[in-house]
C-alpha atoms as a PDB file:
ATOM      1  CA  MET A   1       0.000   0.000   0.000  1.00  0.00           C
ATOM      2  CA  THR A   2       1.308   3.457  -0.910  1.00  0.00           C
ATOM      3  CA  VAL A   3       0.436   6.956   0.345  1.00  0.00           C
ATOM      4  CA  GLN A   4      -0.015   9.620  -2.301  1.00  0.00           C
ATOM      5  CA  LEU A   5      -1.263  13.191  -2.670  1.00  0.00           C
ATOM      6  CA  ALA A   6      -3.766  14.045  -5.360  1.00  0.00           C
ATOM      7  CA  ASN A   7      -2.683  17.733  -5.349  1.00  0.00           C
ATOM      8  CA  PRO A   8       0.861  17.897  -3.908  1.00  0.00           C
ATOM      9  CA  TRP A   9       1.278  21.502  -5.064  1.00  0.00           C
ATOM     10  CA  ALA A  10      -1.189  22.572  -2.351  1.00  0.00           C
ATOM     11  CA  LEU A  11       1.441  21.905   0.325  1.00  0.00           C
ATOM     12  CA  LEU A  12       3.214  25.098  -0.807  1.00  0.00           C
ATOM     13  CA  LEU A  13       0.459  26.984   1.008  1.00  0.00           C
ATOM     14  CA  LEU A  14       1.907  25.714   4.313  1.00  0.00           C
ATOM     15  CA  LEU A  15       4.683  28.293   3.844  1.00  0.00           C
ATOM     16  CA  LEU A  16       2.082  30.949   4.636  1.00  0.00           C
ATOM     17  CA  VAL A  17       1.650  29.638   8.206  1.00  0.00           C
ATOM     18  CA  PRO A  18       4.967  30.853   9.710  1.00  0.00           C
ATOM     19  CA  ALA A  19       4.768  34.067   7.673  1.00  0.00           C
ATOM     20  CA  TRP A  20       1.303  34.791   9.028  1.00  0.00           C
ATOM     21  CA  LEU A  21       2.314  34.048  12.629  1.00  0.00           C
ATOM     22  CA  TRP A  22       5.299  36.387  12.297  1.00  0.00           C
ATOM     23  CA  TRP A  23       3.089  39.142  10.902  1.00  0.00           C
ATOM     24  CA  ILE A  24       0.507  38.679  13.693  1.00  0.00           C
ATOM     25  CA  ARG A  25       3.138  39.064  16.429  1.00  0.00           C
ATOM     26  CA  ARG A  26       4.604  42.122  14.746  1.00  0.00           C
ATOM     27  CA  ARG A  27       1.320  44.063  14.681  1.00  0.00           C
ATOM     28  CA  GLN A  28       0.418  43.580  18.369  1.00  0.00           C
ATOM     29  CA  PRO A  29       0.319  46.868  20.351  1.00  0.00           C
ATOM     30  CA  ALA A  30       3.135  47.636  22.810  1.00  0.00           C
ATOM     31  CA  ALA A  31       0.744  48.603  25.697  1.00  0.00           C
ATOM     32  CA  LEU A  32      -2.737  47.532  26.783  1.00  0.00           C
ATOM     33  CA  THR A  33      -5.207  48.864  29.332  1.00  0.00           C
ATOM     34  CA  PHE A  34      -6.629  46.268  31.717  1.00  0.00           C
ATOM     35  CA  ALA A  35      -9.891  46.767  33.524  1.00  0.00           C
ATOM     36  CA  ARG A  36      -9.043  44.194  36.194  1.00  0.00           C
ATOM     37  CA  ALA A  37      -5.804  43.923  38.100  1.00  0.00           C
ATOM     38  CA  GLY A  38      -6.215  40.132  38.482  1.00  0.00           C
ATOM     39  CA  THR A  39      -6.044  39.650  34.773  1.00  0.00           C
ATOM     40  CA  LEU A  40      -2.841  41.643  34.609  1.00  0.00           C
ATOM     41  CA  GLY A  41      -1.396  39.532  37.405  1.00  0.00           C
ATOM     42  CA  ASP A  42      -2.139  36.312  35.611  1.00  0.00           C
ATOM     43  CA  ALA A  43      -0.524  37.632  32.491  1.00  0.00           C
ATOM     44  CA  ALA A  44       2.559  38.566  34.437  1.00  0.00           C
ATOM     45  CA  GLU A  45       2.891  35.029  35.729  1.00  0.00           C
ATOM     46  CA  GLY A  46       3.313  33.719  32.152  1.00  0.00           C
ATOM     47  CA  ARG A  47      -0.053  32.024  31.752  1.00  0.00           C
ATOM     48  CA  GLY A  48      -1.411  34.995  29.942  1.00  0.00           C
ATOM     49  CA  SER A  49       1.475  34.924  27.496  1.00  0.00           C
ATOM     50  CA  PHE A  50       0.594  31.349  26.507  1.00  0.00           C
ATOM     51  CA  LEU A  51      -3.134  32.077  26.310  1.00  0.00           C
ATOM     52  CA  GLY A  52      -2.411  35.128  24.241  1.00  0.00           C
ATOM     53  CA  ILE A  53      -0.838  33.185  21.389  1.00  0.00           C
ATOM     54  CA  LEU A  54      -3.211  30.196  21.633  1.00  0.00           C
ATOM     55  CA  PRO A  55      -5.979  31.561  19.348  1.00  0.00           C
ATOM     56  CA  ASP A  56      -3.509  32.414  16.618  1.00  0.00           C
ATOM     57  CA  ALA A  57      -1.840  29.019  16.968  1.00  0.00           C
ATOM     58  CA  MET A  58      -5.236  27.323  16.682  1.00  0.00           C
ATOM     59  CA  ARG A  59      -6.051  29.299  13.563  1.00  0.00           C
ATOM     60  CA  ALA A  60      -2.657  28.450  12.047  1.00  0.00           C
ATOM     61  CA  GLY A  61      -3.204  24.770  12.881  1.00  0.00           C
ATOM     62  CA  ALA A  62      -6.670  24.841  11.300  1.00  0.00           C
ATOM     63  CA  PHE A  63      -5.218  26.409   8.172  1.00  0.00           C
ATOM     64  CA  ALA A  64      -2.514  23.702   8.040  1.00  0.00           C
ATOM     65  CA  TRP A  65      -5.074  20.864   8.342  1.00  0.00           C
ATOM     66  CA  LEU A  66      -7.208  22.442   5.614  1.00  0.00           C
ATOM     67  CA  VAL A  67      -4.185  22.715   3.324  1.00  0.00           C
ATOM     68  CA  ILE A  68      -3.389  19.027   3.850  1.00  0.00           C
ATOM     69  CA  ALA A  69      -7.015  18.189   3.074  1.00  0.00           C
ATOM     70  CA  LEU A  70      -6.726  20.261  -0.118  1.00  0.00           C
ATOM     71  CA  ALA A  71      -3.589  18.272  -1.061  1.00  0.00           C
ATOM     72  CA  GLY A  72      -5.790  15.169  -1.189  1.00  0.00           C
ATOM     73  CA  PRO A  73      -4.013  12.476   0.843  1.00  0.00           C
ATOM     74  CA  ARG A  74      -4.959   8.981  -0.251  1.00  0.00           C
ATOM     75  CA  THR A  75      -3.754   5.427   0.004  1.00  0.00           C
ATOM     76  CA  GLY A  76      -3.632   3.126  -2.985  1.00  0.00           C
ATOM     77  CA  ALA A  77      -3.169  -0.541  -3.726  1.00  0.00           C
ATOM     78  CA  ALA A  78      -1.801  -1.546  -7.110  1.00  0.00           C
ATOM     79  CA  VAL A  79      -3.843  -4.021  -9.112  1.00  0.00           C
ATOM     80  CA  VAL A  80      -2.209  -5.708 -12.116  1.00  0.00           C
ATOM     81  CA  GLN A  81      -4.616  -6.914 -14.736  1.00  0.00           C
ATOM     82  CA  ASP A  82      -3.519  -9.189 -17.570  1.00  0.00           C
ATOM     83  CA  GLU A  83      -5.502  -8.860 -20.755  1.00  0.00           C
ATOM     84  CA  THR A  84      -5.163 -11.112 -23.755  1.00  0.00           C
ATOM     85  CA  GLU A  85      -7.443 -11.781 -26.655  1.00  0.00           C
ATOM     86  CA  GLY A  86      -6.571 -15.465 -26.762  1.00  0.00           C
ATOM     87  CA  ILE A  87      -6.753 -17.918 -29.632  1.00  0.00           C
ATOM     88  CA  ALA A  88      -9.655 -20.026 -30.853  1.00  0.00           C
ATOM     89  CA  ILE A  89      -8.407 -23.599 -31.214  1.00  0.00           C
ATOM     90  CA  VAL A  90     -10.075 -26.772 -32.427  1.00  0.00           C
ATOM     91  CA  VAL A  91      -8.393 -30.057 -31.549  1.00  0.00           C
ATOM     92  CA  ALA A  92      -9.480 -32.757 -34.011  1.00  0.00           C
ATOM     93  CA  VAL A  93      -8.720 -36.294 -32.757  1.00  0.00           C
ATOM     94  CA  ASP A  94      -8.762 -39.395 -34.939  1.00  0.00           C
ATOM     95  CA  ALA A  95     -10.819 -42.001 -33.072  1.00  0.00           C
ATOM     96  CA  SER A  96     -10.920 -44.567 -35.858  1.00  0.00           C
ATOM     97  CA  GLU A  97     -10.264 -48.261 -35.247  1.00  0.00           C
ATOM     98  CA  SER A  98      -6.625 -47.969 -36.312  1.00  0.00           C
ATOM     99  CA  MET A  99      -5.925 -45.618 -33.377  1.00  0.00           C
ATOM    100  CA  LEU A 100      -6.186 -48.680 -31.118  1.00  0.00           C
ATOM    101  CA  ALA A 101      -2.814 -49.936 -32.372  1.00  0.00           C
ATOM    102  CA  GLU A 102      -0.590 -50.615 -29.374  1.00  0.00           C
ATOM    103  CA  ASP A 103       2.646 -49.081 -30.639  1.00  0.00           C
ATOM    104  CA  MET A 104       2.496 -46.016 -28.369  1.00  0.00           C
ATOM    105  CA  ARG A 105       2.160 -45.608 -24.609  1.00  0.00           C
ATOM    106  CA  PRO A 106       0.114 -45.530 -22.543  1.00  0.00           C
ATOM    107  CA  ARG A 107      -1.779 -48.497 -24.018  1.00  0.00           C
ATOM    108  CA  ASN A 108      -2.251 -47.346 -27.638  1.00  0.00           C
ATOM    109  CA  ARG A 109      -2.162 -44.409 -30.059  1.00  0.00           C
ATOM    110  CA  LEU A 110      -5.456 -43.019 -28.822  1.00  0.00           C
ATOM    111  CA  GLY A 111      -4.341 -43.260 -25.200  1.00  0.00           C
ATOM    112  CA  ALA A 112      -1.111 -41.420 -25.984  1.00  0.00           C
ATOM    113  CA  ALA A 113      -3.011 -38.762 -27.911  1.00  0.00           C
ATOM    114  CA  LYS A 114      -5.444 -38.149 -25.059  1.00  0.00           C
ATOM    115  CA  GLN A 115      -2.622 -37.841 -22.553  1.00  0.00           C
ATOM    116  CA  ILE A 116      -0.669 -35.298 -24.621  1.00  0.00           C
ATOM    117  CA  ILE A 117      -3.758 -33.323 -25.633  1.00  0.00           C
ATOM    118  CA  SER A 118      -4.789 -33.053 -21.972  1.00  0.00           C
ATOM    119  CA  ARG A 119      -1.504 -31.322 -21.164  1.00  0.00           C
ATOM    120  CA  PHE A 120      -1.901 -29.044 -24.173  1.00  0.00           C
ATOM    121  CA  ILE A 121      -5.397 -27.979 -23.098  1.00  0.00           C
ATOM    122  CA  GLN A 122      -4.260 -27.262 -19.550  1.00  0.00           C
ATOM    123  CA  SER A 123      -1.496 -24.976 -20.836  1.00  0.00           C
ATOM    124  CA  ARG A 124      -3.933 -22.774 -22.812  1.00  0.00           C
ATOM    125  CA  GLU A 125      -5.756 -21.031 -19.975  1.00  0.00           C
ATOM    126  CA  HIS A 126      -6.580 -17.888 -22.001  1.00  0.00           C
ATOM    127  CA  ASP A 127      -7.892 -19.693 -25.096  1.00  0.00           C
ATOM    128  CA  ARG A 128     -11.237 -21.040 -26.157  1.00  0.00           C
ATOM    129  CA  ILE A 129     -10.874 -24.616 -27.327  1.00  0.00           C
ATOM    130  CA  ALA A 130     -13.229 -27.007 -29.102  1.00  0.00           C
ATOM    131  CA  LEU A 131     -12.949 -30.787 -29.436  1.00  0.00           C
ATOM    132  CA  VAL A 132     -13.805 -32.729 -32.586  1.00  0.00           C
ATOM    133  CA  ALA A 133     -13.578 -36.526 -32.806  1.00  0.00           C
ATOM    134  CA  PHE A 134     -13.729 -38.369 -36.106  1.00  0.00           C
ATOM    135  CA  GLY A 135     -13.755 -41.828 -37.621  1.00  0.00           C
ATOM    136  CA  SER A 136     -15.977 -42.607 -40.588  1.00  0.00           C
ATOM    137  CA  GLU A 137     -17.769 -39.403 -39.660  1.00  0.00           C
ATOM    138  CA  ALA A 138     -16.881 -36.301 -37.677  1.00  0.00           C
ATOM    139  CA  MET A 139     -18.600 -35.102 -34.524  1.00  0.00           C
ATOM    140  CA  THR A 140     -18.113 -32.000 -32.391  1.00  0.00           C
ATOM    141  CA  ARG A 141     -17.876 -33.259 -28.849  1.00  0.00           C
ATOM    142  CA  VAL A 142     -17.359 -29.836 -27.228  1.00  0.00           C
ATOM    143  CA  PRO A 143     -17.874 -26.435 -28.918  1.00  0.00           C
ATOM    144  CA  LEU A 144     -15.500 -23.532 -28.315  1.00  0.00           C
ATOM    145  CA  THR A 145     -15.248 -22.961 -24.579  1.00  0.00           C
ATOM    146  CA  ARG A 146     -12.936 -21.905 -21.778  1.00  0.00           C
ATOM    147  CA  ASP A 147     -14.392 -24.610 -19.564  1.00  0.00           C
ATOM    148  CA  HIS A 148     -11.305 -26.768 -19.798  1.00  0.00           C
ATOM    149  CA  ALA A 149     -12.616 -29.182 -17.181  1.00  0.00           C
ATOM    150  CA  ALA A 150     -15.510 -30.094 -19.493  1.00  0.00           C
ATOM    151  CA  LEU A 151     -13.054 -30.446 -22.370  1.00  0.00           C
ATOM    152  CA  LEU A 152     -10.843 -32.859 -20.450  1.00  0.00           C
ATOM    153  CA  GLN A 153     -13.831 -34.887 -19.332  1.00  0.00           C
ATOM    154  CA  SER A 154     -15.089 -35.238 -22.909  1.00  0.00           C
ATOM    155  CA  LEU A 155     -11.601 -36.066 -24.170  1.00  0.00           C
ATOM    156  CA  THR A 156     -11.264 -38.867 -21.635  1.00  0.00           C
ATOM    157  CA  ALA A 157     -14.593 -40.328 -22.760  1.00  0.00           C
ATOM    158  CA  ILE A 158     -13.530 -40.781 -26.412  1.00  0.00           C
ATOM    159  CA  ARG A 159     -13.442 -44.462 -27.394  1.00  0.00           C
ATOM    160  CA  GLY A 160     -11.760 -46.014 -30.386  1.00  0.00           C
ATOM    161  CA  ALA A 161     -14.012 -46.894 -33.347  1.00  0.00           C
ATOM    162  CA  GLU A 162     -17.010 -45.191 -31.717  1.00  0.00           C
ATOM    163  CA  LEU A 163     -17.513 -43.210 -34.930  1.00  0.00           C
ATOM    164  CA  GLY A 164     -16.764 -46.079 -37.310  1.00  0.00           C
ATOM    165  CA  VAL A 165     -13.654 -47.820 -38.565  1.00  0.00           C
ATOM    166  CA  GLY A 166     -12.891 -45.395 -41.410  1.00  0.00           C
ATOM    167  CA  THR A 167     -11.039 -42.072 -41.423  1.00  0.00           C
ATOM    168  CA  ALA A 168     -12.831 -38.942 -42.645  1.00  0.00           C
ATOM    169  CA  ILE A 169     -10.076 -36.339 -42.534  1.00  0.00           C
ATOM    170  CA  GLY A 170     -11.870 -33.946 -44.884  1.00  0.00           C
ATOM    171  CA  ASP A 171     -15.083 -34.058 -42.846  1.00  0.00           C
ATOM    172  CA  ALA A 172     -13.141 -33.531 -39.619  1.00  0.00           C
ATOM    173  CA  LEU A 173     -11.394 -30.458 -41.005  1.00  0.00           C
ATOM    174  CA  ALA A 174     -14.663 -29.086 -42.383  1.00  0.00           C
ATOM    175  CA  ALA A 175     -16.372 -29.559 -39.010  1.00  0.00           C
ATOM    176  CA  SER A 176     -13.463 -27.865 -37.260  1.00  0.00           C
ATOM    177  CA  ALA A 177     -13.477 -24.903 -39.674  1.00  0.00           C
ATOM    178  CA  ASN A 178     -17.224 -24.544 -39.209  1.00  0.00           C
ATOM    179  CA  ARG A 179     -16.707 -24.216 -35.459  1.00  0.00           C
ATOM    180  CA  LEU A 180     -14.224 -21.398 -36.022  1.00  0.00           C
ATOM    181  CA  ARG A 181     -16.140 -19.623 -38.759  1.00  0.00           C
ATOM    182  CA  ARG A 182     -17.907 -17.130 -36.482  1.00  0.00           C
ATOM    183  CA  ALA A 183     -15.322 -17.026 -33.700  1.00  0.00           C
ATOM    184  CA  PRO A 184     -14.421 -13.393 -32.845  1.00  0.00           C
ATOM    185  CA  GLU A 185     -10.763 -14.190 -32.110  1.00  0.00           C
ATOM    186  CA  LYS A 186      -8.283 -12.883 -34.665  1.00  0.00           C
ATOM    187  CA  SER A 187      -6.163 -16.016 -34.488  1.00  0.00           C
ATOM    188  CA  LYS A 188      -7.869 -19.318 -35.350  1.00  0.00           C
ATOM    189  CA  VAL A 189      -6.096 -22.669 -35.307  1.00  0.00           C
ATOM    190  CA  VAL A 190      -6.922 -26.324 -35.961  1.00  0.00           C
ATOM    191  CA  VAL A 191      -4.683 -29.114 -34.665  1.00  0.00           C
ATOM    192  CA  LEU A 192      -5.650 -32.248 -36.589  1.00  0.00           C
ATOM    193  CA  MET A 193      -4.147 -35.611 -35.710  1.00  0.00           C
ATOM    194  CA  SER A 194      -4.618 -38.840 -37.654  1.00  0.00           C
ATOM    195  CA  ASP A 195      -2.885 -42.166 -38.303  1.00  0.00           C
ATOM    196  CA  GLY A 196      -4.519 -43.040 -41.592  1.00  0.00           C
ATOM    197  CA  VAL A 197      -5.661 -41.936 -45.012  1.00  0.00           C
ATOM    198  CA  ASN A 198      -8.874 -40.205 -45.965  1.00  0.00           C
ATOM    199  CA  ASN A 199     -11.171 -43.099 -46.910  1.00  0.00           C
ATOM    200  CA  SER A 200     -14.549 -41.865 -45.655  1.00  0.00           C
ATOM    201  CA  GLY A 201     -16.716 -38.792 -45.602  1.00  0.00           C
ATOM    202  CA  ALA A 202     -18.157 -36.416 -48.155  1.00  0.00           C
ATOM    203  CA  VAL A 203     -15.571 -33.598 -48.139  1.00  0.00           C
ATOM    204  CA  ALA A 204     -12.166 -33.860 -49.829  1.00  0.00           C
ATOM    205  CA  PRO A 205      -9.348 -32.853 -47.472  1.00  0.00           C
ATOM    206  CA  ILE A 206      -7.853 -30.301 -49.877  1.00  0.00           C
ATOM    207  CA  ASP A 207     -11.269 -28.654 -50.357  1.00  0.00           C
ATOM    208  CA  ALA A 208     -11.678 -28.390 -46.607  1.00  0.00           C
ATOM    209  CA  ALA A 209      -8.183 -26.905 -46.383  1.00  0.00           C
ATOM    210  CA  ARG A 210      -9.006 -24.236 -48.968  1.00  0.00           C
ATOM    211  CA  ALA A 211     -12.169 -23.349 -47.089  1.00  0.00           C
ATOM    212  CA  ALA A 212     -10.170 -23.068 -43.870  1.00  0.00           C
ATOM    213  CA  ARG A 213      -7.654 -20.778 -45.575  1.00  0.00           C
ATOM    214  CA  ALA A 214     -10.471 -18.541 -46.813  1.00  0.00           C
ATOM    215  CA  LEU A 215     -11.681 -18.221 -43.227  1.00  0.00           C
ATOM    216  CA  GLY A 216      -8.215 -17.291 -41.981  1.00  0.00           C
ATOM    217  CA  ILE A 217      -7.690 -20.598 -40.174  1.00  0.00           C
ATOM    218  CA  ARG A 218      -4.240 -22.117 -39.790  1.00  0.00           C
ATOM    219  CA  VAL A 219      -4.066 -25.921 -39.624  1.00  0.00           C
ATOM    220  CA  TYR A 220      -1.351 -28.005 -37.984  1.00  0.00           C
ATOM    221  CA  THR A 221      -1.500 -31.672 -38.971  1.00  0.00           C
ATOM    222  CA  ILE A 222       0.115 -34.565 -37.108  1.00  0.00           C
ATOM    223  CA  GLY A 223       0.680 -38.044 -38.475  1.00  0.00           C
ATOM    224  CA  VAL A 224       0.685 -40.578 -35.617  1.00  0.00           C
ATOM    225  CA  GLY A 225       2.093 -44.112 -35.489  1.00  0.00           C
ATOM    226  CA  THR A 226       5.222 -46.168 -36.138  1.00  0.00           C
ATOM    227  CA  ASP A 227       6.441 -47.214 -39.564  1.00  0.00           C
ATOM    228  CA  THR A 228       6.077 -50.909 -38.698  1.00  0.00           C
ATOM    229  CA  ALA A 229       2.972 -53.013 -38.294  1.00  0.00           C
ATOM    230  CA  GLY A 230       1.245 -52.336 -34.994  1.00  0.00           C
ATOM    231  CA  ARG A 231      -0.754 -54.792 -32.921  1.00  0.00           C
ATOM    232  CA  ARG A 232      -4.343 -53.805 -32.390  1.00  0.00           C
ATOM    233  CA  GLN A 233      -6.781 -55.359 -29.980  1.00  0.00           C
ATOM    234  CA  ALA A 234     -10.185 -56.235 -31.353  1.00  0.00           C
ATOM    235  CA  ALA A 235     -13.199 -57.755 -29.588  1.00  0.00           C
ATOM    236  CA  GLU A 236     -14.649 -60.983 -30.885  1.00  0.00           C
ATOM    237  CA  GLY A 237     -17.865 -62.288 -29.386  1.00  0.00           C
ATOM    238  CA  GLY A 238     -18.416 -61.917 -25.590  1.00  0.00           C
ATOM    239  CA  GLU A 239     -15.119 -61.626 -23.733  1.00  0.00           C
ATOM    240  CA  ARG A 240     -12.958 -63.252 -26.338  1.00  0.00           C
ATOM    241  CA  VAL A 241     -10.206 -60.991 -27.589  1.00  0.00           C
ATOM    242  CA  ARG A 242      -8.148 -61.210 -30.734  1.00  0.00           C
ATOM    243  CA  TYR A 243      -5.252 -59.143 -31.980  1.00  0.00           C
ATOM    244  CA  VAL A 244      -4.531 -58.067 -35.523  1.00  0.00           C
ATOM    245  CA  LEU A 245      -1.393 -56.572 -37.057  1.00  0.00           C
ATOM    246  CA  ARG A 246      -1.886 -53.524 -39.245  1.00  0.00           C
ATOM    247  CA  GLN A 247       0.648 -51.374 -41.071  1.00  0.00           C
ATOM    248  CA  ALA A 248       0.182 -47.650 -40.493  1.00  0.00           C
ATOM    249  CA  ARG A 249      -0.632 -46.016 -43.813  1.00  0.00           C
ATOM    250  CA  ILE A 250      -0.471 -42.305 -43.165  1.00  0.00           C
ATOM    251  CA  ASP A 251      -1.198 -40.137 -46.166  1.00  0.00           C
ATOM    252  CA  GLU A 252       1.628 -37.723 -45.417  1.00  0.00           C
ATOM    253  CA  GLY A 253       1.213 -36.046 -48.791  1.00  0.00           C
ATOM    254  CA  THR A 254      -2.371 -35.044 -48.034  1.00  0.00           C
ATOM    255  CA  MET A 255      -1.582 -34.060 -44.443  1.00  0.00           C
ATOM    256  CA  GLY A 256       1.307 -31.904 -45.662  1.00  0.00           C
ATOM    257  CA  ASP A 257      -0.861 -30.284 -48.361  1.00  0.00           C
ATOM    258  CA  ILE A 258      -3.473 -29.352 -45.758  1.00  0.00           C
ATOM    259  CA  ALA A 259      -0.866 -27.679 -43.580  1.00  0.00           C
ATOM    260  CA  ARG A 260       0.851 -25.815 -46.434  1.00  0.00           C
ATOM    261  CA  THR A 261      -2.439 -24.614 -47.899  1.00  0.00           C
ATOM    262  CA  THR A 262      -3.450 -22.982 -44.620  1.00  0.00           C
ATOM    263  CA  GLY A 263      -0.038 -21.681 -43.569  1.00  0.00           C
ATOM    264  CA  GLY A 264       0.471 -24.323 -40.890  1.00  0.00           C
ATOM    265  CA  ARG A 265       2.929 -27.219 -40.544  1.00  0.00           C
ATOM    266  CA  TYR A 266       2.887 -30.986 -40.809  1.00  0.00           C
ATOM    267  CA  PHE A 267       4.505 -33.083 -38.066  1.00  0.00           C
ATOM    268  CA  ARG A 268       5.279 -36.773 -37.800  1.00  0.00           C
ATOM    269  CA  ALA A 269       5.020 -38.489 -34.399  1.00  0.00           C
ATOM    270  CA  ARG A 270       6.351 -42.046 -34.225  1.00  0.00           C
ATOM    271  CA  ASP A 271       6.229 -42.308 -30.448  1.00  0.00           C
ATOM    272  CA  THR A 272       4.659 -40.638 -27.421  1.00  0.00           C
ATOM    273  CA  GLU A 273       7.708 -38.489 -26.701  1.00  0.00           C
ATOM    274  CA  ALA A 274       7.702 -37.105 -30.250  1.00  0.00           C
ATOM    275  CA  LEU A 275       3.993 -36.374 -29.997  1.00  0.00           C
ATOM    276  CA  GLY A 276       4.581 -34.457 -26.772  1.00  0.00           C
ATOM    277  CA  ARG A 277       7.361 -32.412 -28.368  1.00  0.00           C
ATOM    278  CA  ILE A 278       5.107 -31.575 -31.314  1.00  0.00           C
ATOM    279  CA  TYR A 279       2.314 -30.270 -29.108  1.00  0.00           C
ATOM    280  CA  ARG A 280       4.795 -28.249 -27.065  1.00  0.00           C
ATOM    281  CA  GLU A 281       6.152 -26.718 -30.262  1.00  0.00           C
ATOM    282  CA  ILE A 282       2.653 -25.819 -31.441  1.00  0.00           C
ATOM    283  CA  ASP A 283       1.988 -24.395 -27.990  1.00  0.00           C
ATOM    284  CA  ARG A 284       5.047 -22.110 -28.327  1.00  0.00           C
ATOM    285  CA  MET A 285       4.210 -21.016 -31.870  1.00  0.00           C
ATOM    286  CA  GLU A 286       0.589 -20.165 -31.178  1.00  0.00           C
ATOM    287  CA  ARG A 287       0.838 -17.594 -28.430  1.00  0.00           C
ATOM    288  CA  THR A 288      -0.603 -14.103 -28.269  1.00  0.00           C
ATOM    289  CA  PRO A 289       1.196 -11.424 -26.242  1.00  0.00           C
ATOM    290  CA  VAL A 290      -0.414 -10.683 -22.890  1.00  0.00           C
ATOM    291  CA  GLU A 291      -1.105  -7.003 -22.298  1.00  0.00           C
ATOM    292  CA  THR A 292      -0.496  -5.967 -18.705  1.00  0.00           C
ATOM    293  CA  ARG A 293      -2.223  -2.934 -17.270  1.00  0.00           C
ATOM    294  CA  LEU A 294      -1.595  -1.428 -13.855  1.00  0.00           C
ATOM    295  CA  TYR A 295      -4.543  -0.019 -11.984  1.00  0.00           C
ATOM    296  CA  VAL A 296      -4.358   1.693  -8.590  1.00  0.00           C
ATOM    297  CA  ARG A 297      -7.398   1.619  -6.365  1.00  0.00           C
ATOM    298  CA  HIS A 298      -7.353   4.722  -4.171  1.00  0.00           C
ATOM    299  CA  ARG A 299      -8.984   5.478  -0.867  1.00  0.00           C
ATOM    300  CA  ASP A 300      -9.257   9.201  -0.063  1.00  0.00           C
ATOM    301  CA  TRP A 301      -8.315  10.464   3.405  1.00  0.00           C
ATOM    302  CA  TYR A 302      -8.989  14.209   3.026  1.00  0.00           C
ATOM    303  CA  LEU A 303     -12.115  14.154   5.224  1.00  0.00           C
ATOM    304  CA  PRO A 304     -10.347  13.590   8.598  1.00  0.00           C
ATOM    305  CA  PHE A 305      -8.017  16.524   7.916  1.00  0.00           C
ATOM    306  CA  LEU A 306     -10.940  18.701   6.811  1.00  0.00           C
ATOM    307  CA  LEU A 307     -12.837  17.885   9.985  1.00  0.00           C
ATOM    308  CA  ALA A 308      -9.752  18.521  12.117  1.00  0.00           C
ATOM    309  CA  GLY A 309      -9.338  21.964  10.538  1.00  0.00           C
ATOM    310  CA  ALA A 310     -13.016  22.792  11.037  1.00  0.00           C
ATOM    311  CA  VAL A 311     -12.912  21.719  14.699  1.00  0.00           C
ATOM    312  CA  LEU A 312      -9.861  23.905  15.362  1.00  0.00           C
ATOM    313  CA  LEU A 313     -11.585  26.923  13.796  1.00  0.00           C
ATOM    314  CA  ILE A 314     -14.671  26.403  15.949  1.00  0.00           C
ATOM    315  CA  LEU A 315     -12.529  26.024  19.075  1.00  0.00           C
ATOM    316  CA  GLU A 316     -10.659  29.215  18.193  1.00  0.00           C
ATOM    317  CA  TRP A 317     -13.894  31.184  17.828  1.00  0.00           C
ATOM    318  CA  LEU A 318     -15.200  29.821  21.136  1.00  0.00           C
ATOM    319  CA  PHE A 319     -11.932  30.607  22.899  1.00  0.00           C
ATOM    320  CA  ARG A 320     -11.886  34.175  21.610  1.00  0.00           C
ATOM    321  CA  ALA A 321     -15.324  34.629  23.137  1.00  0.00           C
ATOM    322  CA  THR A 322     -13.870  34.086  26.632  1.00  0.00           C
ATOM    323  CA  ARG A 323     -11.820  36.569  28.653  1.00  0.00           C
ATOM    324  CA  TRP A 324      -8.696  34.495  28.055  1.00  0.00           C
ATOM    325  CA  GLY A 325      -9.079  34.906  24.332  1.00  0.00           C
ATOM    326  CA  ARG A 326      -8.471  38.630  24.743  1.00  0.00           C
ATOM    327  CA  VAL A 327      -5.153  38.284  26.578  1.00  0.00           C
ATOM    328  CA  PRO A 328      -2.151  38.986  24.302  1.00  0.00           C
END
């Protein structure tokens, strides 16, 4: 907490106090006539001398308090407010059957993706984020929001192959761009992750990319999975489980074209560590500067000084009305 004066120049008026007291003492008469001898005796003892200057001292004190009140004393506490426009981001997650391949940890590609995306979401406290999941079709699970707890809950609930076994990259990008179309943020970003080729849906990936570019949306694409065949768990009947080996066939040409068309970048993640590095890099690239403003909340304290000055003036007037107020 700091103490400040709203009008510090007013303190210059305090210089008038000693000048006025000097002038008052100079103009007092050299001799006085007393009607009562007792009064003269008291004055001779020294008490009268003190009482004689008391009214003027009270008036000078009142003037000083009023000057301080005019200076506007106040206390203030600084309040720092961070303001940032933020970025509108759509995270598009491939939830097709192939994302169940167990070549990434924890558990599989989808598990690794959910873990890394969770960290990414938690690091974007100023941004509105939406979540799109896709397989044979695309679905918006969470629209643009700053409720990151709801985002994380919905992300955790994504299950492999819940939207079909195919991969509709074009539909996913179109759904993501549609979510950003009316967003007021100046910066709009899609992070699209897939481990396959576009083999489903009604929208061609390059057409969706051109539409995103027209809307001012930048797309970062991530190809996920190892270059070797990955084991994938599949259910068969009741509790019987079978495993199949599938080679990851990522259409890196299409994923790269999407990124280049929109001014983004294409990344390749062959393991969980690489995927984490990619999201951290995107996190660094897509940052808006935070504007910091300093506000000071003031509390004025002029009233106590004003009241003190007024009380001294009243006391001076009352004192001058007594016999002691007439003793020099």
